[in-house]
Amino acid sequence: MEKRQANSKEDIKRHMARTETTNKRKMREGRKGEEGMYRQQEKTWGKTIVRKISKDSKRKQVGCVAENIKEGRKEKERKRKHVHEEKR
């Protein structure tokens, strides 16, 4: 009985494939809780806070940059309407 090398390339590949599938499963299960909810993790001072976010708010949310852009758009819209009124 010959000694097998501890981490042969095949072993590593097999292990990676297995962990990948479990990770995918965990992600699916995490989302299964409420339909259309994502889990978002935040690390703060060693504690991990897990918040659940609905998909539409996730689309809107790219930091608070999205919020600022939205405000800017509203402002532009207002100005455009204002100019429109003056032209009439």
Protein backbone atom coordinates (compact mmCIF):
# COMPACT_ATOMS: atom_id res chain seq x y z
CA MET A 1 0.00 0.00 0.00
CA GLU A 2 1.75 3.15 -1.21
CA LYS A 3 1.23 6.44 0.55
CA ARG A 4 -0.90 8.85 -1.40
CA GLN A 5 0.22 12.44 -1.83
CA ALA A 6 -1.81 14.60 0.54
CA ASN A 7 -3.18 17.15 -1.93
CA SER A 8 -2.96 15.85 -5.44
CA LYS A 9 -4.34 18.05 -8.20
CA GLU A 10 -7.38 15.78 -8.64
CA ASP A 11 -8.17 16.01 -4.93
CA ILE A 12 -7.98 19.78 -5.00
CA LYS A 13 -10.21 19.96 -8.09
CA ARG A 14 -12.74 17.61 -6.51
CA HIS A 15 -12.77 19.59 -3.29
CA MET A 16 -13.18 22.92 -5.11
CA ALA A 17 -16.07 21.55 -7.14
CA ARG A 18 -17.75 20.31 -3.98
CA THR A 19 -17.33 23.60 -2.11
CA GLU A 20 -18.57 25.52 -5.14
CA THR A 21 -21.78 23.52 -5.27
CA THR A 22 -22.36 23.86 -1.53
CA ASN A 23 -21.78 27.61 -1.78
CA LYS A 24 -24.31 27.86 -4.59
CA ARG A 25 -26.78 25.83 -2.56
CA LYS A 26 -26.26 28.02 0.48
CA MET A 27 -26.89 31.13 -1.59
CA ARG A 28 -30.09 29.66 -2.97
CA GLU A 29 -31.27 28.66 0.49
CA GLY A 30 -30.43 32.09 1.82
CA ARG A 31 -32.67 33.69 -0.77
CA LYS A 32 -35.44 31.17 -0.32
CA GLY A 33 -36.56 32.77 2.98
CA GLU A 34 -38.74 35.50 1.53
CA GLU A 35 -39.45 35.47 -2.17
CA GLY A 36 -37.45 38.13 -3.94
CA MET A 37 -35.20 38.98 -1.02
CA TYR A 38 -31.42 39.14 -1.05
CA ARG A 39 -29.17 38.83 1.95
CA GLN A 40 -26.64 41.58 2.27
CA GLN A 41 -23.84 41.25 4.77
CA GLU A 42 -22.04 44.11 6.39
CA LYS A 43 -19.03 43.77 8.63
CA THR A 44 -18.85 46.29 11.43
CA TRP A 45 -16.36 45.95 14.24
CA GLY A 46 -16.21 42.17 14.08
CA LYS A 47 -19.97 41.69 13.98
CA THR A 48 -21.58 40.62 10.75
CA ILE A 49 -24.93 42.23 10.18
CA VAL A 50 -27.18 40.46 7.70
CA ARG A 51 -29.89 42.59 6.21
CA LYS A 52 -32.56 41.41 3.84
CA ILE A 53 -33.14 43.63 0.85
CA SER A 54 -35.85 43.32 -1.76
CA LYS A 55 -34.72 42.94 -5.37
CA ASP A 56 -36.08 46.27 -6.59
CA SER A 57 -34.31 48.22 -3.86
CA LYS A 58 -31.14 46.29 -4.69
CA ARG A 59 -31.47 47.48 -8.28
CA LYS A 60 -31.84 51.07 -7.13
CA GLN A 61 -29.07 50.80 -4.57
CA VAL A 62 -25.49 51.21 -5.59
CA GLY A 63 -24.32 52.94 -2.46
CA CYS A 64 -26.06 56.26 -1.99
CA VAL A 65 -24.74 57.30 -5.39
CA ALA A 66 -27.97 56.07 -6.95
CA GLU A 67 -29.94 58.26 -4.55
CA ASN A 68 -27.89 61.32 -5.51
CA ILE A 69 -28.30 60.57 -9.20
CA LYS A 70 -32.04 60.22 -8.71
CA GLU A 71 -32.19 63.58 -6.92
CA GLY A 72 -30.14 65.15 -9.70
CA ARG A 73 -32.53 63.76 -12.30
CA LYS A 74 -35.53 65.17 -10.43
CA GLU A 75 -33.82 68.54 -10.29
CA LYS A 76 -33.10 68.46 -14.04
CA GLU A 77 -36.69 67.47 -14.72
CA ARG A 78 -37.94 70.41 -12.66
CA LYS A 79 -35.67 72.87 -14.46
CA ARG A 80 -36.69 71.52 -17.85
CA LYS A 81 -40.38 71.87 -17.00
CA HIS A 82 -39.73 75.38 -15.73
CA VAL A 83 -38.01 76.40 -18.98
CA HIS A 84 -40.84 74.76 -20.90
CA GLU A 85 -43.37 76.90 -19.04
CA GLU A 86 -41.40 80.09 -19.74
CA LYS A 87 -41.19 79.35 -23.47
CA ARG A 88 -44.97 79.13 -23.69
